[in-house]
């Protein structure tokens, strides 16, 4: 992108969980999607897919050499924090 610069000293973490929204009458379908995503996470296939698509771009920006600043997102205060267990942390790799 012309004119776009990437700072090479810092990285910002701003939590912004993603959700699937469906018709409330589709309970069976919602349960199946949730079950599938949890199974994919537990068996490692979801993380494998993540690595396939994001390892190369993340390697180029040298995250571990940057100062990490974490911000709170006031718009997600009070939501179920169970999503946090699925957050990918490249600093732990």
PDB file of N, CA and C in Angstrom:
ATOM      1  N   UNK A   1       0.850  -1.164   0.000  1.00  0.00           N
ATOM      2  CA  UNK A   1       0.000   0.000   0.000  1.00  0.00           C
ATOM      3  C   UNK A   1       0.906   1.240   0.000  1.00  0.00           C
ATOM      4  N   UNK A   2       0.820   2.088  -0.978  1.00  0.00           N
ATOM      5  CA  UNK A   2       1.669   3.271  -1.044  1.00  0.00           C
ATOM      6  C   UNK A   2       1.493   4.172   0.175  1.00  0.00           C
ATOM      7  N   UNK A   3       2.605   4.594   0.742  1.00  0.00           N
ATOM      8  CA  UNK A   3       2.569   5.511   1.873  1.00  0.00           C
ATOM      9  C   UNK A   3       2.357   4.862   3.224  1.00  0.00           C
ATOM     10  N   UNK A   4       2.132   3.565   3.246  1.00  0.00           N
ATOM     11  CA  UNK A   4       1.919   2.865   4.511  1.00  0.00           C
ATOM     12  C   UNK A   4       3.274   2.502   5.108  1.00  0.00           C
ATOM     13  N   UNK A   5       3.445   2.796   6.373  1.00  0.00           N
ATOM     14  CA  UNK A   5       4.676   2.459   7.072  1.00  0.00           C
ATOM     15  C   UNK A   5       4.349   1.558   8.250  1.00  0.00           C
ATOM     16  N   UNK A   6       5.246   0.641   8.528  1.00  0.00           N
ATOM     17  CA  UNK A   6       5.084  -0.257   9.672  1.00  0.00           C
ATOM     18  C   UNK A   6       6.181   0.074  10.672  1.00  0.00           C
ATOM     19  N   UNK A   7       5.771   0.427  11.888  1.00  0.00           N
ATOM     20  CA  UNK A   7       6.731   0.711  12.937  1.00  0.00           C
ATOM     21  C   UNK A   7       7.466  -0.576  13.285  1.00  0.00           C
ATOM     22  N   UNK A   8       8.773  -0.519  13.457  1.00  0.00           N
ATOM     23  CA  UNK A   8       9.528  -1.740  13.735  1.00  0.00           C
ATOM     24  C   UNK A   8       9.924  -1.880  15.196  1.00  0.00           C
ATOM     25  N   UNK A   9       9.333  -1.035  16.064  1.00  0.00           N
ATOM     26  CA  UNK A   9       9.687  -1.065  17.479  1.00  0.00           C
ATOM     27  C   UNK A   9       8.558  -1.519  18.398  1.00  0.00           C
ATOM     28  N   UNK A  10       7.327  -1.292  17.998  1.00  0.00           N
ATOM     29  CA  UNK A  10       6.204  -1.584  18.889  1.00  0.00           C
ATOM     30  C   UNK A  10       5.158  -2.441  18.184  1.00  0.00           C
ATOM     31  N   UNK A  11       4.332  -3.084  19.000  1.00  0.00           N
ATOM     32  CA  UNK A  11       3.160  -3.787  18.515  1.00  0.00           C
ATOM     33  C   UNK A  11       2.044  -3.520  19.526  1.00  0.00           C
ATOM     34  N   UNK A  12       0.845  -3.351  19.024  1.00  0.00           N
ATOM     35  CA  UNK A  12      -0.308  -3.040  19.873  1.00  0.00           C
ATOM     36  C   UNK A  12      -1.254  -4.228  19.874  1.00  0.00           C
ATOM     37  N   UNK A  13      -1.687  -4.606  21.074  1.00  0.00           N
ATOM     38  CA  UNK A  13      -2.692  -5.661  21.217  1.00  0.00           C
ATOM     39  C   UNK A  13      -3.977  -5.015  21.713  1.00  0.00           C
ATOM     40  N   UNK A  14      -5.026  -5.184  20.936  1.00  0.00           N
ATOM     41  CA  UNK A  14      -6.342  -4.654  21.271  1.00  0.00           C
ATOM     42  C   UNK A  14      -7.334  -5.799  21.105  1.00  0.00           C
ATOM     43  N   UNK A  15      -7.854  -6.353  22.203  1.00  0.00           N
ATOM     44  CA  UNK A  15      -8.736  -7.513  22.087  1.00  0.00           C
ATOM     45  C   UNK A  15     -10.016  -7.200  21.322  1.00  0.00           C
ATOM     46  N   UNK A  16     -10.290  -8.037  20.356  1.00  0.00           N
ATOM     47  CA  UNK A  16     -11.488  -7.866  19.536  1.00  0.00           C
ATOM     48  C   UNK A  16     -11.948  -9.266  19.100  1.00  0.00           C
ATOM     49  N   UNK A  17     -12.627  -9.974  20.023  1.00  0.00           N
ATOM     50  CA  UNK A  17     -13.053 -11.335  19.683  1.00  0.00           C
ATOM     51  C   UNK A  17     -14.033 -11.356  18.520  1.00  0.00           C
ATOM     52  N   UNK A  18     -14.019 -12.474  17.801  1.00  0.00           N
ATOM     53  CA  UNK A  18     -14.927 -12.653  16.666  1.00  0.00           C
ATOM     54  C   UNK A  18     -16.015 -13.640  17.058  1.00  0.00           C
ATOM     55  N   UNK A  19     -17.202 -13.382  16.577  1.00  0.00           N
ATOM     56  CA  UNK A  19     -18.337 -14.237  16.902  1.00  0.00           C
ATOM     57  C   UNK A  19     -19.087 -14.606  15.630  1.00  0.00           C
ATOM     58  N   UNK A  20     -19.737 -15.753  15.684  1.00  0.00           N
ATOM     59  CA  UNK A  20     -20.657 -16.151  14.624  1.00  0.00           C
ATOM     60  C   UNK A  20     -22.055 -15.768  15.091  1.00  0.00           C
ATOM     61  N   UNK A  21     -22.818 -15.158  14.237  1.00  0.00           N
ATOM     62  CA  UNK A  21     -24.196 -14.823  14.564  1.00  0.00           C
ATOM     63  C   UNK A  21     -25.115 -15.610  13.642  1.00  0.00           C
ATOM     64  N   UNK A  22     -26.112 -16.215  14.245  1.00  0.00           N
ATOM     65  CA  UNK A  22     -27.061 -17.024  13.487  1.00  0.00           C
ATOM     66  C   UNK A  22     -28.470 -16.747  13.992  1.00  0.00           C
ATOM     67  N   UNK A  23     -29.418 -17.207  13.233  1.00  0.00           N
ATOM     68  CA  UNK A  23     -30.812 -17.142  13.646  1.00  0.00           C
ATOM     69  C   UNK A  23     -30.958 -17.907  14.959  1.00  0.00           C
ATOM     70  N   UNK A  24     -31.630 -17.303  15.921  1.00  0.00           N
ATOM     71  CA  UNK A  24     -31.769 -17.932  17.242  1.00  0.00           C
ATOM     72  C   UNK A  24     -32.490 -19.276  17.194  1.00  0.00           C
ATOM     73  N   UNK A  25     -33.213 -19.549  16.129  1.00  0.00           N
ATOM     74  CA  UNK A  25     -33.908 -20.826  15.991  1.00  0.00           C
ATOM     75  C   UNK A  25     -33.004 -21.946  15.460  1.00  0.00           C
ATOM     76  N   UNK A  26     -31.780 -21.626  15.132  1.00  0.00           N
ATOM     77  CA  UNK A  26     -30.840 -22.607  14.567  1.00  0.00           C
ATOM     78  C   UNK A  26     -29.925 -23.168  15.658  1.00  0.00           C
ATOM     79  N   UNK A  27     -30.492 -23.561  16.759  1.00  0.00           N
ATOM     80  CA  UNK A  27     -29.712 -24.044  17.894  1.00  0.00           C
ATOM     81  C   UNK A  27     -28.873 -25.279  17.561  1.00  0.00           C
ATOM     82  N   UNK A  28     -29.435 -26.200  16.790  1.00  0.00           N
ATOM     83  CA  UNK A  28     -28.709 -27.412  16.412  1.00  0.00           C
ATOM     84  C   UNK A  28     -27.474 -27.050  15.574  1.00  0.00           C
ATOM     85  N   UNK A  29     -27.650 -26.134  14.633  1.00  0.00           N
ATOM     86  CA  UNK A  29     -26.552 -25.714  13.769  1.00  0.00           C
ATOM     87  C   UNK A  29     -25.484 -24.961  14.565  1.00  0.00           C
ATOM     88  N   UNK A  30     -25.938 -24.095  15.478  1.00  0.00           N
ATOM     89  CA  UNK A  30     -24.989 -23.357  16.316  1.00  0.00           C
ATOM     90  C   UNK A  30     -24.155 -24.313  17.161  1.00  0.00           C
ATOM     91  N   UNK A  31     -24.800 -25.313  17.742  1.00  0.00           N
ATOM     92  CA  UNK A  31     -24.090 -26.287  18.569  1.00  0.00           C
ATOM     93  C   UNK A  31     -23.075 -27.066  17.734  1.00  0.00           C
ATOM     94  N   UNK A  32     -23.437 -27.399  16.501  1.00  0.00           N
ATOM     95  CA  UNK A  32     -22.527 -28.158  15.633  1.00  0.00           C
ATOM     96  C   UNK A  32     -21.297 -27.334  15.258  1.00  0.00           C
ATOM     97  N   UNK A  33     -21.500 -26.059  14.958  1.00  0.00           N
ATOM     98  CA  UNK A  33     -20.370 -25.185  14.629  1.00  0.00           C
ATOM     99  C   UNK A  33     -19.445 -25.042  15.834  1.00  0.00           C
ATOM    100  N   UNK A  34     -20.029 -24.816  16.994  1.00  0.00           N
ATOM    101  CA  UNK A  34     -19.217 -24.675  18.211  1.00  0.00           C
ATOM    102  C   UNK A  34     -18.437 -25.956  18.483  1.00  0.00           C
ATOM    103  N   UNK A  35     -19.107 -27.089  18.385  1.00  0.00           N
ATOM    104  CA  UNK A  35     -18.454 -28.377  18.614  1.00  0.00           C
ATOM    105  C   UNK A  35     -17.292 -28.581  17.630  1.00  0.00           C
ATOM    106  N   UNK A  36     -17.514 -28.245  16.367  1.00  0.00           N
ATOM    107  CA  UNK A  36     -16.479 -28.401  15.344  1.00  0.00           C
ATOM    108  C   UNK A  36     -15.281 -27.503  15.587  1.00  0.00           C
ATOM    109  N   UNK A  37     -15.534 -26.260  15.948  1.00  0.00           N
ATOM    110  CA  UNK A  37     -14.428 -25.340  16.210  1.00  0.00           C
ATOM    111  C   UNK A  37     -13.622 -25.761  17.434  1.00  0.00           C
ATOM    112  N   UNK A  38     -14.302 -26.199  18.470  1.00  0.00           N
ATOM    113  CA  UNK A  38     -13.601 -26.668  19.669  1.00  0.00           C
ATOM    114  C   UNK A  38     -12.785 -27.922  19.352  1.00  0.00           C
ATOM    115  N   UNK A  39     -13.365 -28.842  18.596  1.00  0.00           N
ATOM    116  CA  UNK A  39     -12.641 -30.065  18.212  1.00  0.00           C
ATOM    117  C   UNK A  39     -11.407 -29.722  17.374  1.00  0.00           C
ATOM    118  N   UNK A  40     -11.552 -28.787  16.434  1.00  0.00           N
ATOM    119  CA  UNK A  40     -10.424 -28.379  15.581  1.00  0.00           C
ATOM    120  C   UNK A  40      -9.328 -27.717  16.412  1.00  0.00           C
ATOM    121  N   UNK A  41      -9.716 -26.988  17.430  1.00  0.00           N
ATOM    122  CA  UNK A  41      -8.722 -26.373  18.307  1.00  0.00           C
ATOM    123  C   UNK A  41      -8.005 -27.442  19.126  1.00  0.00           C
ATOM    124  N   UNK A  42      -8.783 -28.358  19.705  1.00  0.00           N
ATOM    125  CA  UNK A  42      -8.199 -29.392  20.569  1.00  0.00           C
ATOM    126  C   UNK A  42      -7.292 -30.355  19.814  1.00  0.00           C
ATOM    127  N   UNK A  43      -7.649 -30.705  18.574  1.00  0.00           N
ATOM    128  CA  UNK A  43      -6.809 -31.659  17.841  1.00  0.00           C
ATOM    129  C   UNK A  43      -5.646 -30.973  17.109  1.00  0.00           C
ATOM    130  N   UNK A  44      -5.571 -29.655  17.213  1.00  0.00           N
ATOM    131  CA  UNK A  44      -4.458 -28.916  16.633  1.00  0.00           C
ATOM    132  C   UNK A  44      -4.652 -28.492  15.190  1.00  0.00           C
ATOM    133  N   UNK A  45      -5.715 -28.925  14.539  1.00  0.00           N
ATOM    134  CA  UNK A  45      -5.895 -28.592  13.122  1.00  0.00           C
ATOM    135  C   UNK A  45      -6.188 -27.108  12.912  1.00  0.00           C
ATOM    136  N   UNK A  46      -6.833 -26.466  13.866  1.00  0.00           N
ATOM    137  CA  UNK A  46      -7.109 -25.033  13.740  1.00  0.00           C
ATOM    138  C   UNK A  46      -5.803 -24.236  13.858  1.00  0.00           C
ATOM    139  N   UNK A  47      -4.962 -24.609  14.797  1.00  0.00           N
ATOM    140  CA  UNK A  47      -3.669 -23.937  14.968  1.00  0.00           C
ATOM    141  C   UNK A  47      -2.780 -24.207  13.751  1.00  0.00           C
ATOM    142  N   UNK A  48      -2.840 -25.411  13.219  1.00  0.00           N
ATOM    143  CA  UNK A  48      -2.065 -25.736  12.016  1.00  0.00           C
ATOM    144  C   UNK A  48      -2.490 -24.835  10.854  1.00  0.00           C
ATOM    145  N   UNK A  49      -3.780 -24.641  10.696  1.00  0.00           N
ATOM    146  CA  UNK A  49      -4.300 -23.763   9.655  1.00  0.00           C
ATOM    147  C   UNK A  49      -3.846 -22.321   9.896  1.00  0.00           C
ATOM    148  N   UNK A  50      -3.880 -21.892  11.138  1.00  0.00           N
ATOM    149  CA  UNK A  50      -3.411 -20.547  11.498  1.00  0.00           C
ATOM    150  C   UNK A  50      -1.948 -20.384  11.067  1.00  0.00           C
ATOM    151  N   UNK A  51      -1.112 -21.355  11.453  1.00  0.00           N
ATOM    152  CA  UNK A  51       0.314 -21.279  11.106  1.00  0.00           C
ATOM    153  C   UNK A  51       0.517 -21.242   9.593  1.00  0.00           C
ATOM    154  N   UNK A  52      -0.237 -22.018   8.871  1.00  0.00           N
ATOM    155  CA  UNK A  52      -0.112 -22.069   7.407  1.00  0.00           C
ATOM    156  C   UNK A  52      -0.322 -20.685   6.791  1.00  0.00           C
ATOM    157  N   UNK A  53      -1.272 -19.952   7.303  1.00  0.00           N
ATOM    158  CA  UNK A  53      -1.630 -18.675   6.694  1.00  0.00           C
ATOM    159  C   UNK A  53      -0.953 -17.452   7.320  1.00  0.00           C
ATOM    160  N   UNK A  54      -0.481 -17.570   8.559  1.00  0.00           N
ATOM    161  CA  UNK A  54       0.012 -16.371   9.232  1.00  0.00           C
ATOM    162  C   UNK A  54       1.467 -16.418   9.694  1.00  0.00           C
ATOM    163  N   UNK A  55       2.110 -17.564   9.698  1.00  0.00           N
ATOM    164  CA  UNK A  55       3.499 -17.622  10.155  1.00  0.00           C
ATOM    165  C   UNK A  55       4.433 -16.750   9.324  1.00  0.00           C
ATOM    166  N   UNK A  56       4.341 -16.845   8.012  1.00  0.00           N
ATOM    167  CA  UNK A  56       5.254 -16.077   7.147  1.00  0.00           C
ATOM    168  C   UNK A  56       5.089 -14.567   7.337  1.00  0.00           C
ATOM    169  N   UNK A  57       3.857 -14.038   7.288  1.00  0.00           N
ATOM    170  CA  UNK A  57       3.727 -12.588   7.509  1.00  0.00           C
ATOM    171  C   UNK A  57       4.192 -12.154   8.903  1.00  0.00           C
ATOM    172  N   UNK A  58       3.899 -12.956   9.927  1.00  0.00           N
ATOM    173  CA  UNK A  58       4.314 -12.591  11.284  1.00  0.00           C
ATOM    174  C   UNK A  58       5.827 -12.646  11.434  1.00  0.00           C
ATOM    175  N   UNK A  59       6.478 -13.580  10.771  1.00  0.00           N
ATOM    176  CA  UNK A  59       7.935 -13.684  10.834  1.00  0.00           C
ATOM    177  C   UNK A  59       8.591 -12.430  10.255  1.00  0.00           C
ATOM    178  N   UNK A  60       7.990 -11.869   9.237  1.00  0.00           N
ATOM    179  CA  UNK A  60       8.555 -10.686   8.576  1.00  0.00           C
ATOM    180  C   UNK A  60       8.560  -9.448   9.473  1.00  0.00           C
ATOM    181  N   UNK A  61       7.674  -9.406  10.450  1.00  0.00           N
ATOM    182  CA  UNK A  61       7.606  -8.205  11.287  1.00  0.00           C
ATOM    183  C   UNK A  61       8.303  -8.371  12.640  1.00  0.00           C
ATOM    184  N   UNK A  62       8.916  -9.519  12.888  1.00  0.00           N
ATOM    185  CA  UNK A  62       9.756  -9.742  14.079  1.00  0.00           C
ATOM    186  C   UNK A  62       9.067  -9.318  15.381  1.00  0.00           C
ATOM    187  N   UNK A  63       7.934  -9.902  15.648  1.00  0.00           N
ATOM    188  CA  UNK A  63       7.141  -9.531  16.822  1.00  0.00           C
ATOM    189  C   UNK A  63       7.913  -9.627  18.133  1.00  0.00           C
ATOM    190  N   UNK A  64       8.689 -10.676  18.290  1.00  0.00           N
ATOM    191  CA  UNK A  64       9.371 -10.896  19.571  1.00  0.00           C
ATOM    192  C   UNK A  64      10.419  -9.843  19.882  1.00  0.00           C
ATOM    193  N   UNK A  65      10.806  -9.063  18.895  1.00  0.00           N
ATOM    194  CA  UNK A  65      11.793  -8.008  19.107  1.00  0.00           C
ATOM    195  C   UNK A  65      11.137  -6.655  19.369  1.00  0.00           C
ATOM    196  N   UNK A  66       9.851  -6.618  19.429  1.00  0.00           N
ATOM    197  CA  UNK A  66       9.121  -5.362  19.618  1.00  0.00           C
ATOM    198  C   UNK A  66       8.598  -5.233  21.047  1.00  0.00           C
ATOM    199  N   UNK A  67       8.315  -4.032  21.431  1.00  0.00           N
ATOM    200  CA  UNK A  67       7.676  -3.772  22.720  1.00  0.00           C
ATOM    201  C   UNK A  67       6.167  -3.915  22.520  1.00  0.00           C
ATOM    202  N   UNK A  68       5.569  -4.725  23.373  1.00  0.00           N
ATOM    203  CA  UNK A  68       4.137  -4.989  23.280  1.00  0.00           C
ATOM    204  C   UNK A  68       3.371  -4.068  24.221  1.00  0.00           C
ATOM    205  N   UNK A  69       2.377  -3.394  23.673  1.00  0.00           N
ATOM    206  CA  UNK A  69       1.463  -2.570  24.464  1.00  0.00           C
ATOM    207  C   UNK A  69       0.072  -3.190  24.377  1.00  0.00           C
ATOM    208  N   UNK A  70      -0.481  -3.507  25.550  1.00  0.00           N
ATOM    209  CA  UNK A  70      -1.817  -4.104  25.591  1.00  0.00           C
ATOM    210  C   UNK A  70      -2.819  -3.044  26.040  1.00  0.00           C
ATOM    211  N   UNK A  71      -3.898  -2.971  25.298  1.00  0.00           N
ATOM    212  CA  UNK A  71      -4.969  -2.039  25.622  1.00  0.00           C
ATOM    213  C   UNK A  71      -6.218  -2.815  25.992  1.00  0.00           C
ATOM    214  N   UNK A  72      -7.059  -2.225  26.818  1.00  0.00           N
ATOM    215  CA  UNK A  72      -8.352  -2.811  27.139  1.00  0.00           C
ATOM    216  C   UNK A  72      -9.372  -2.315  26.135  1.00  0.00           C
ATOM    217  N   UNK A  73     -10.336  -3.159  25.851  1.00  0.00           N
ATOM    218  CA  UNK A  73     -11.429  -2.785  24.960  1.00  0.00           C
ATOM    219  C   UNK A  73     -12.680  -2.622  25.813  1.00  0.00           C
ATOM    220  N   UNK A  74     -13.073  -1.386  26.073  1.00  0.00           N
ATOM    221  CA  UNK A  74     -14.217  -1.143  26.949  1.00  0.00           C
ATOM    222  C   UNK A  74     -15.531  -1.650  26.353  1.00  0.00           C
ATOM    223  N   UNK A  75     -15.535  -1.885  25.051  1.00  0.00           N
ATOM    224  CA  UNK A  75     -16.762  -2.336  24.400  1.00  0.00           C
ATOM    225  C   UNK A  75     -17.036  -3.824  24.610  1.00  0.00           C
ATOM    226  N   UNK A  76     -16.056  -4.562  25.126  1.00  0.00           N
ATOM    227  CA  UNK A  76     -16.283  -5.990  25.379  1.00  0.00           C
ATOM    228  C   UNK A  76     -16.296  -6.305  26.871  1.00  0.00           C
ATOM    229  N   UNK A  77     -16.269  -5.277  27.699  1.00  0.00           N
ATOM    230  CA  UNK A  77     -16.348  -5.500  29.145  1.00  0.00           C
ATOM    231  C   UNK A  77     -17.669  -6.186  29.469  1.00  0.00           C
ATOM    232  N   UNK A  78     -17.600  -7.191  30.314  1.00  0.00           N
ATOM    233  CA  UNK A  78     -18.802  -7.879  30.747  1.00  0.00           C
ATOM    234  C   UNK A  78     -19.198  -9.068  29.888  1.00  0.00           C
ATOM    235  N   UNK A  79     -18.499  -9.307  28.780  1.00  0.00           N
ATOM    236  CA  UNK A  79     -18.830 -10.484  27.977  1.00  0.00           C
ATOM    237  C   UNK A  79     -18.123 -11.707  28.559  1.00  0.00           C
ATOM    238  N   UNK A  80     -18.600 -12.856  28.199  1.00  0.00           N
ATOM    239  CA  UNK A  80     -18.022 -14.110  28.664  1.00  0.00           C
ATOM    240  C   UNK A  80     -16.548 -14.172  28.247  1.00  0.00           C
ATOM    241  N   UNK A  81     -15.623 -14.259  29.213  1.00  0.00           N
ATOM    242  CA  UNK A  81     -14.201 -14.246  28.879  1.00  0.00           C
ATOM    243  C   UNK A  81     -13.653 -15.594  28.391  1.00  0.00           C
ATOM    244  N   UNK A  82     -14.517 -16.565  28.173  1.00  0.00           N
ATOM    245  CA  UNK A  82     -14.027 -17.887  27.774  1.00  0.00           C
ATOM    246  C   UNK A  82     -13.284 -17.868  26.437  1.00  0.00           C
ATOM    247  N   UNK A  83     -13.539 -16.849  25.613  1.00  0.00           N
ATOM    248  CA  UNK A  83     -12.841 -16.753  24.328  1.00  0.00           C
ATOM    249  C   UNK A  83     -11.334 -16.587  24.516  1.00  0.00           C
ATOM    250  N   UNK A  84     -10.912 -16.069  25.666  1.00  0.00           N
ATOM    251  CA  UNK A  84      -9.504 -15.756  25.895  1.00  0.00           C
ATOM    252  C   UNK A  84      -8.596 -16.980  25.811  1.00  0.00           C
ATOM    253  N   UNK A  85      -9.134 -18.156  26.110  1.00  0.00           N
ATOM    254  CA  UNK A  85      -8.312 -19.364  26.050  1.00  0.00           C
ATOM    255  C   UNK A  85      -7.886 -19.699  24.627  1.00  0.00           C
ATOM    256  N   UNK A  86      -8.564 -19.146  23.642  1.00  0.00           N
ATOM    257  CA  UNK A  86      -8.281 -19.437  22.248  1.00  0.00           C
ATOM    258  C   UNK A  86      -7.430 -18.370  21.558  1.00  0.00           C
ATOM    259  N   UNK A  87      -7.026 -17.358  22.289  1.00  0.00           N
ATOM    260  CA  UNK A  87      -6.226 -16.291  21.695  1.00  0.00           C
ATOM    261  C   UNK A  87      -4.843 -16.837  21.362  1.00  0.00           C
ATOM    262  N   UNK A  88      -4.434 -16.606  20.136  1.00  0.00           N
ATOM    263  CA  UNK A  88      -3.104 -17.034  19.709  1.00  0.00           C
ATOM    264  C   UNK A  88      -2.077 -16.012  20.193  1.00  0.00           C
ATOM    265  N   UNK A  89      -1.062 -16.493  20.882  1.00  0.00           N
ATOM    266  CA  UNK A  89      -0.022 -15.619  21.417  1.00  0.00           C
ATOM    267  C   UNK A  89       1.312 -15.964  20.767  1.00  0.00           C
ATOM    268  N   UNK A  90       1.747 -15.194  19.776  1.00  0.00           N
ATOM    269  CA  UNK A  90       3.001 -15.514  19.092  1.00  0.00           C
ATOM    270  C   UNK A  90       4.228 -15.363  19.982  1.00  0.00           C
ATOM    271  N   UNK A  91       4.087 -14.667  21.115  1.00  0.00           N
ATOM    272  CA  UNK A  91       5.207 -14.508  22.033  1.00  0.00           C
ATOM    273  C   UNK A  91       5.513 -15.794  22.797  1.00  0.00           C
ATOM    274  N   UNK A  92       4.568 -16.723  22.817  1.00  0.00           N
ATOM    275  CA  UNK A  92       4.780 -18.003  23.513  1.00  0.00           C
ATOM    276  C   UNK A  92       5.380 -19.056  22.607  1.00  0.00           C
ATOM    277  N   UNK A  93       5.412 -18.805  21.327  1.00  0.00           N
ATOM    278  CA  UNK A  93       5.916 -19.793  20.345  1.00  0.00           C
ATOM    279  C   UNK A  93       7.416 -19.830  20.370  1.00  0.00           C
TER     280      UNK A  93
END
